Structures are given as C-alpha cells and as structure tokens.
N, C-alpha and C. Protein backbone atom coordinates (compact mmCIF):
# COMPACT_ATOMS: atom_id res chain seq x y z
N MET A 1 108.39 93.20 104.44
CA MET A 1 108.36 93.24 105.87
C MET A 1 108.72 91.86 106.37
N SER A 2 109.49 91.80 107.44
CA SER A 2 109.85 90.50 108.00
C SER A 2 109.56 90.48 109.49
N LYS A 3 109.28 89.31 109.98
CA LYS A 3 109.01 89.16 111.40
C LYS A 3 110.32 89.05 112.14
N SER A 4 110.40 89.67 113.28
CA SER A 4 111.60 89.56 114.09
C SER A 4 111.44 88.41 115.07
N GLY A 5 112.50 88.05 115.73
CA GLY A 5 112.46 86.94 116.67
C GLY A 5 111.56 87.19 117.86
N THR A 6 111.31 88.44 118.18
CA THR A 6 110.46 88.75 119.32
C THR A 6 108.99 88.84 118.95
N GLY A 7 108.70 88.78 117.65
CA GLY A 7 107.32 88.91 117.22
C GLY A 7 106.94 90.34 116.92
N ASN A 8 107.82 91.28 117.16
CA ASN A 8 107.56 92.68 116.88
C ASN A 8 108.60 93.20 115.93
N ASP A 9 108.20 93.91 114.90
CA ASP A 9 109.13 94.52 113.98
C ASP A 9 108.91 96.01 114.06
N THR A 10 109.79 96.69 114.76
CA THR A 10 109.65 98.13 114.92
C THR A 10 110.72 98.88 114.17
N THR A 11 111.45 98.21 113.30
CA THR A 11 112.54 98.85 112.59
C THR A 11 112.06 99.66 111.41
N ASP A 12 110.91 99.38 110.84
CA ASP A 12 110.41 100.09 109.68
C ASP A 12 109.13 100.81 110.07
N SER A 13 109.21 102.12 110.28
CA SER A 13 108.06 102.86 110.76
C SER A 13 107.02 103.12 109.67
N SER A 14 107.36 102.84 108.41
CA SER A 14 106.40 103.10 107.35
C SER A 14 105.41 101.95 107.16
N GLY A 15 105.77 100.73 107.54
CA GLY A 15 104.91 99.58 107.36
C GLY A 15 104.30 99.14 108.66
N PRO A 16 103.46 98.14 108.60
CA PRO A 16 102.81 97.66 109.82
C PRO A 16 103.82 97.04 110.78
N THR A 17 103.56 97.20 112.06
CA THR A 17 104.31 96.49 113.08
C THR A 17 103.50 95.24 113.37
N GLU A 18 104.15 94.13 113.50
CA GLU A 18 103.40 92.89 113.57
C GLU A 18 103.72 92.07 114.81
N GLU A 19 102.78 91.27 115.17
CA GLU A 19 102.93 90.36 116.30
C GLU A 19 101.98 89.20 116.05
N THR A 20 102.44 88.00 116.28
CA THR A 20 101.57 86.84 116.13
C THR A 20 101.59 86.06 117.43
N ASP A 21 100.58 85.25 117.60
CA ASP A 21 100.61 84.32 118.72
C ASP A 21 100.18 82.96 118.20
N ARG A 22 100.29 81.96 119.04
CA ARG A 22 100.02 80.60 118.59
C ARG A 22 98.54 80.32 118.39
N SER A 23 97.67 81.23 118.76
CA SER A 23 96.24 80.99 118.61
C SER A 23 95.73 81.38 117.23
N GLY A 24 96.62 81.81 116.33
CA GLY A 24 96.19 82.19 115.00
C GLY A 24 95.76 83.63 114.89
N VAL A 25 96.03 84.43 115.91
CA VAL A 25 95.69 85.84 115.90
C VAL A 25 96.96 86.62 115.55
N TYR A 26 96.85 87.48 114.56
CA TYR A 26 97.95 88.28 114.07
C TYR A 26 97.58 89.74 114.32
N ARG A 27 98.49 90.47 114.91
CA ARG A 27 98.24 91.89 115.16
C ARG A 27 99.30 92.70 114.44
N ALA A 28 98.86 93.76 113.82
CA ALA A 28 99.76 94.67 113.13
C ALA A 28 99.27 96.09 113.40
N SER A 29 100.11 97.03 113.12
CA SER A 29 99.68 98.42 113.24
C SER A 29 100.20 99.21 112.06
N TYR A 30 99.55 100.30 111.82
CA TYR A 30 99.95 101.23 110.77
C TYR A 30 99.83 102.63 111.34
N ASP A 31 100.49 103.57 110.73
CA ASP A 31 100.43 104.95 111.18
C ASP A 31 99.28 105.63 110.45
N PRO A 32 98.19 105.95 111.16
CA PRO A 32 97.05 106.58 110.50
C PRO A 32 97.41 107.91 109.83
N ASP A 33 98.47 108.55 110.29
CA ASP A 33 98.90 109.82 109.72
C ASP A 33 100.10 109.66 108.79
N GLY A 34 100.52 108.43 108.55
CA GLY A 34 101.70 108.16 107.74
C GLY A 34 101.39 108.16 106.25
N PRO A 35 102.42 107.93 105.45
CA PRO A 35 102.26 107.98 104.00
C PRO A 35 101.56 106.75 103.40
N ALA A 36 101.62 105.61 104.05
CA ALA A 36 100.99 104.39 103.52
C ALA A 36 99.49 104.44 103.76
N THR A 37 98.73 103.91 102.81
CA THR A 37 97.28 103.86 102.96
C THR A 37 96.89 102.67 103.83
N VAL A 38 95.70 102.73 104.36
CA VAL A 38 95.18 101.62 105.17
C VAL A 38 95.09 100.36 104.31
N SER A 39 94.60 100.50 103.08
CA SER A 39 94.46 99.32 102.22
C SER A 39 95.82 98.70 101.93
N ASP A 40 96.85 99.50 101.74
CA ASP A 40 98.20 98.96 101.53
C ASP A 40 98.68 98.22 102.78
N ALA A 41 98.39 98.77 103.96
CA ALA A 41 98.79 98.11 105.22
C ALA A 41 98.07 96.78 105.37
N VAL A 42 96.79 96.73 105.01
CA VAL A 42 96.02 95.48 105.08
C VAL A 42 96.59 94.46 104.11
N ILE A 43 96.86 94.88 102.89
CA ILE A 43 97.41 93.95 101.89
C ILE A 43 98.75 93.41 102.35
N GLU A 44 99.61 94.26 102.89
CA GLU A 44 100.92 93.82 103.36
C GLU A 44 100.78 92.84 104.53
N ALA A 45 99.88 93.13 105.46
CA ALA A 45 99.69 92.26 106.62
C ALA A 45 99.09 90.91 106.21
N VAL A 46 98.10 90.93 105.32
CA VAL A 46 97.49 89.68 104.85
C VAL A 46 98.52 88.84 104.10
N ALA A 47 99.31 89.48 103.27
CA ALA A 47 100.36 88.76 102.54
C ALA A 47 101.36 88.14 103.51
N ASP A 48 101.70 88.87 104.56
CA ASP A 48 102.64 88.34 105.54
C ASP A 48 102.07 87.12 106.26
N VAL A 49 100.81 87.21 106.66
CA VAL A 49 100.16 86.07 107.32
C VAL A 49 100.08 84.87 106.37
N ALA A 50 99.77 85.15 105.10
CA ALA A 50 99.66 84.08 104.10
C ALA A 50 101.02 83.56 103.64
N GLY A 51 102.07 84.28 103.99
CA GLY A 51 103.42 83.85 103.62
C GLY A 51 103.74 84.06 102.15
N VAL A 52 103.18 85.13 101.58
CA VAL A 52 103.44 85.43 100.17
C VAL A 52 104.01 86.84 100.03
N ASP A 53 104.62 87.10 98.90
CA ASP A 53 105.17 88.41 98.60
C ASP A 53 104.06 89.28 98.02
N PRO A 54 103.71 90.40 98.67
CA PRO A 54 102.61 91.23 98.18
C PRO A 54 102.90 91.91 96.85
N THR A 55 104.18 91.96 96.44
CA THR A 55 104.50 92.59 95.17
C THR A 55 104.36 91.62 93.99
N SER A 56 104.33 90.33 94.28
CA SER A 56 104.21 89.36 93.20
C SER A 56 102.96 88.49 93.30
N THR A 57 102.17 88.69 94.33
CA THR A 57 100.95 87.91 94.53
C THR A 57 99.78 88.87 94.67
N VAL A 58 98.70 88.58 94.00
CA VAL A 58 97.52 89.44 94.09
C VAL A 58 96.74 89.06 95.35
N ILE A 59 96.56 90.03 96.22
CA ILE A 59 95.69 89.87 97.39
C ILE A 59 94.35 90.48 96.97
N PRO A 60 93.29 89.68 96.85
CA PRO A 60 92.03 90.16 96.27
C PRO A 60 91.18 90.99 97.23
N LEU A 61 91.77 92.04 97.77
CA LEU A 61 91.07 92.90 98.72
C LEU A 61 89.79 93.48 98.11
N SER A 62 89.86 93.88 96.84
CA SER A 62 88.72 94.53 96.20
C SER A 62 87.54 93.59 95.98
N GLU A 63 87.74 92.29 96.14
CA GLU A 63 86.62 91.35 96.04
C GLU A 63 85.75 91.39 97.30
N THR A 64 86.32 91.93 98.37
CA THR A 64 85.61 91.97 99.65
C THR A 64 85.22 93.37 100.06
N VAL A 65 86.13 94.30 99.88
CA VAL A 65 85.91 95.67 100.32
C VAL A 65 86.55 96.61 99.29
N ASP A 66 85.96 97.75 99.08
CA ASP A 66 86.50 98.74 98.15
C ASP A 66 87.71 99.42 98.81
N PRO A 67 88.92 99.19 98.30
CA PRO A 67 90.12 99.78 98.92
C PRO A 67 90.06 101.30 99.02
N ASP A 68 89.52 101.97 97.99
CA ASP A 68 89.42 103.43 98.04
C ASP A 68 88.47 103.88 99.15
N ALA A 69 87.37 103.18 99.32
CA ALA A 69 86.42 103.51 100.38
C ALA A 69 87.05 103.25 101.75
N LEU A 70 87.80 102.16 101.87
CA LEU A 70 88.48 101.85 103.12
C LEU A 70 89.47 102.96 103.47
N ASP A 71 90.26 103.38 102.49
CA ASP A 71 91.21 104.46 102.71
C ASP A 71 90.50 105.75 103.09
N ALA A 72 89.41 106.08 102.39
CA ALA A 72 88.67 107.30 102.66
C ALA A 72 88.06 107.29 104.06
N LEU A 73 87.58 106.13 104.48
CA LEU A 73 86.97 106.02 105.81
C LEU A 73 87.96 106.37 106.91
N PHE A 74 89.20 105.93 106.74
CA PHE A 74 90.18 106.12 107.81
C PHE A 74 91.09 107.32 107.61
N THR A 75 90.98 108.03 106.50
CA THR A 75 91.78 109.23 106.29
C THR A 75 91.21 110.37 107.10
N GLY A 76 92.00 110.89 108.00
CA GLY A 76 91.56 112.00 108.84
C GLY A 76 90.47 111.64 109.82
N CYS A 77 90.30 110.36 110.08
CA CYS A 77 89.26 109.90 110.99
C CYS A 77 89.63 110.29 112.42
N GLU A 78 88.78 111.07 113.03
CA GLU A 78 89.04 111.49 114.41
C GLU A 78 88.19 110.71 115.40
N GLY A 79 87.27 109.93 114.90
CA GLY A 79 86.40 109.14 115.77
C GLY A 79 86.99 107.77 116.03
N ASP A 80 86.13 106.92 116.52
CA ASP A 80 86.52 105.55 116.85
C ASP A 80 85.81 104.63 115.87
N ALA A 81 86.43 104.41 114.70
CA ALA A 81 85.80 103.59 113.66
C ALA A 81 86.52 102.26 113.53
N GLN A 82 85.78 101.27 113.05
CA GLN A 82 86.38 99.97 112.74
C GLN A 82 85.56 99.30 111.65
N VAL A 83 86.27 98.48 110.86
CA VAL A 83 85.65 97.74 109.78
C VAL A 83 86.18 96.32 109.85
N ALA A 84 85.28 95.36 109.70
CA ALA A 84 85.67 93.94 109.70
C ALA A 84 85.23 93.32 108.38
N PHE A 85 86.09 92.43 107.85
CA PHE A 85 85.79 91.73 106.61
C PHE A 85 86.68 90.51 106.52
N ARG A 86 86.41 89.65 105.53
CA ARG A 86 87.23 88.47 105.26
C ARG A 86 87.93 88.64 103.93
N VAL A 87 89.18 88.21 103.89
CA VAL A 87 89.94 88.18 102.65
C VAL A 87 90.95 87.04 102.75
N CYS A 88 91.06 86.27 101.70
CA CYS A 88 91.99 85.13 101.65
C CYS A 88 91.78 84.16 102.82
N GLY A 89 90.53 83.97 103.23
CA GLY A 89 90.23 83.06 104.32
C GLY A 89 90.61 83.57 105.69
N LEU A 90 90.90 84.86 105.79
CA LEU A 90 91.29 85.47 107.06
C LEU A 90 90.25 86.51 107.48
N HIS A 91 89.98 86.58 108.77
CA HIS A 91 89.13 87.64 109.32
C HIS A 91 90.01 88.84 109.60
N VAL A 92 89.66 89.99 109.06
CA VAL A 92 90.46 91.21 109.21
C VAL A 92 89.61 92.26 109.93
N LEU A 93 90.19 92.87 110.95
CA LEU A 93 89.57 93.98 111.65
C LEU A 93 90.52 95.17 111.57
N VAL A 94 90.03 96.27 111.01
CA VAL A 94 90.83 97.49 110.88
C VAL A 94 90.22 98.52 111.81
N ARG A 95 91.07 99.15 112.62
CA ARG A 95 90.60 100.18 113.56
C ARG A 95 91.21 101.53 113.21
N SER A 96 90.49 102.58 113.49
CA SER A 96 90.96 103.93 113.16
C SER A 96 92.15 104.37 113.99
N ASP A 97 92.43 103.67 115.09
CA ASP A 97 93.59 104.03 115.91
C ASP A 97 94.89 103.44 115.38
N GLY A 98 94.83 102.76 114.23
CA GLY A 98 96.02 102.22 113.61
C GLY A 98 96.27 100.75 113.88
N ARG A 99 95.32 100.08 114.51
CA ARG A 99 95.51 98.66 114.80
C ARG A 99 94.81 97.79 113.76
N LEU A 100 95.48 96.71 113.40
CA LEU A 100 94.91 95.67 112.53
C LEU A 100 94.91 94.37 113.32
N ARG A 101 93.86 93.61 113.18
CA ARG A 101 93.80 92.29 113.81
C ARG A 101 93.35 91.31 112.74
N ILE A 102 94.14 90.26 112.55
CA ILE A 102 93.84 89.26 111.54
C ILE A 102 93.79 87.90 112.23
N VAL A 103 92.71 87.17 112.00
CA VAL A 103 92.55 85.86 112.60
C VAL A 103 92.56 84.82 111.49
N ASP A 104 93.44 83.84 111.64
CA ASP A 104 93.55 82.74 110.68
C ASP A 104 92.75 81.56 111.23
N ASP A 105 91.60 81.30 110.62
CA ASP A 105 90.72 80.22 111.07
C ASP A 105 91.42 78.86 111.05
N ALA A 106 92.29 78.66 110.07
CA ALA A 106 92.98 77.36 109.95
C ALA A 106 93.81 77.06 111.20
N VAL A 107 94.46 78.07 111.74
CA VAL A 107 95.26 77.88 112.96
C VAL A 107 94.35 77.73 114.17
N CYS A 108 93.31 78.56 114.23
CA CYS A 108 92.40 78.52 115.37
C CYS A 108 91.66 77.19 115.43
N ASP A 109 91.31 76.63 114.29
CA ASP A 109 90.56 75.37 114.26
C ASP A 109 91.38 74.18 114.73
N ASP A 110 92.72 74.29 114.67
CA ASP A 110 93.58 73.18 115.03
C ASP A 110 93.72 73.00 116.54
N GLU A 111 93.31 73.99 117.31
CA GLU A 111 93.51 73.92 118.75
C GLU A 111 92.44 73.12 119.44
C-alpha cells in the first residue's frame, strides 16, 4: 500500500484507506465485509506508519492482542464495538465500522 499525494489512497479497495496528519495521528479504514481480516488491516496500517514492508518485517501483533480473537470480534459485528491496544510503540484503535486510528507518540511528543 502506498500513500497518495492527497493523503488518501482509494485506488485499492481491498486494503486500508489511509490518511495522516502532522499531529502523528494516522487514520485508515478497512471493509468489515471484505475479504481481508481486521488483523491483516491492522498489520498493514502499522507497517505503513512504521515505514516497513509487512511482508518482510514481523509486526508483533500477537504480543499485544490475539489476532484470531480480534478477527472474531469484528466478523459479522452488527454493534458498535472498538478495541484499543499498543503495538510497535503505536496506539491503535480498531472500530467495528471499519475505521482504524493509529497515534504515533514520537510525532505527538515533538509538538
């Protein structure tokens, strides 16, 4: 996944759509009814924020949250659920409506 010049990447509907701002807040979205799992969307978004390739770098999601449980929580979720956790020094918020919010403390602390 790559960031576009406008901060939104809407060309690939299978992966997260992303947007960043200068305050260290990164927003992405995933299709709750799509083929990608929530945990895969989180790993891809975290890798993008960290500036690494998710296929060649291990994102230690399972050290913080059980990826299978995360996927199960949001599969077919008709309610308004959200889960927050930290991974790779980033605060991650996953919402059942398909929104991801990632906050990079390193960027926020510099302001």
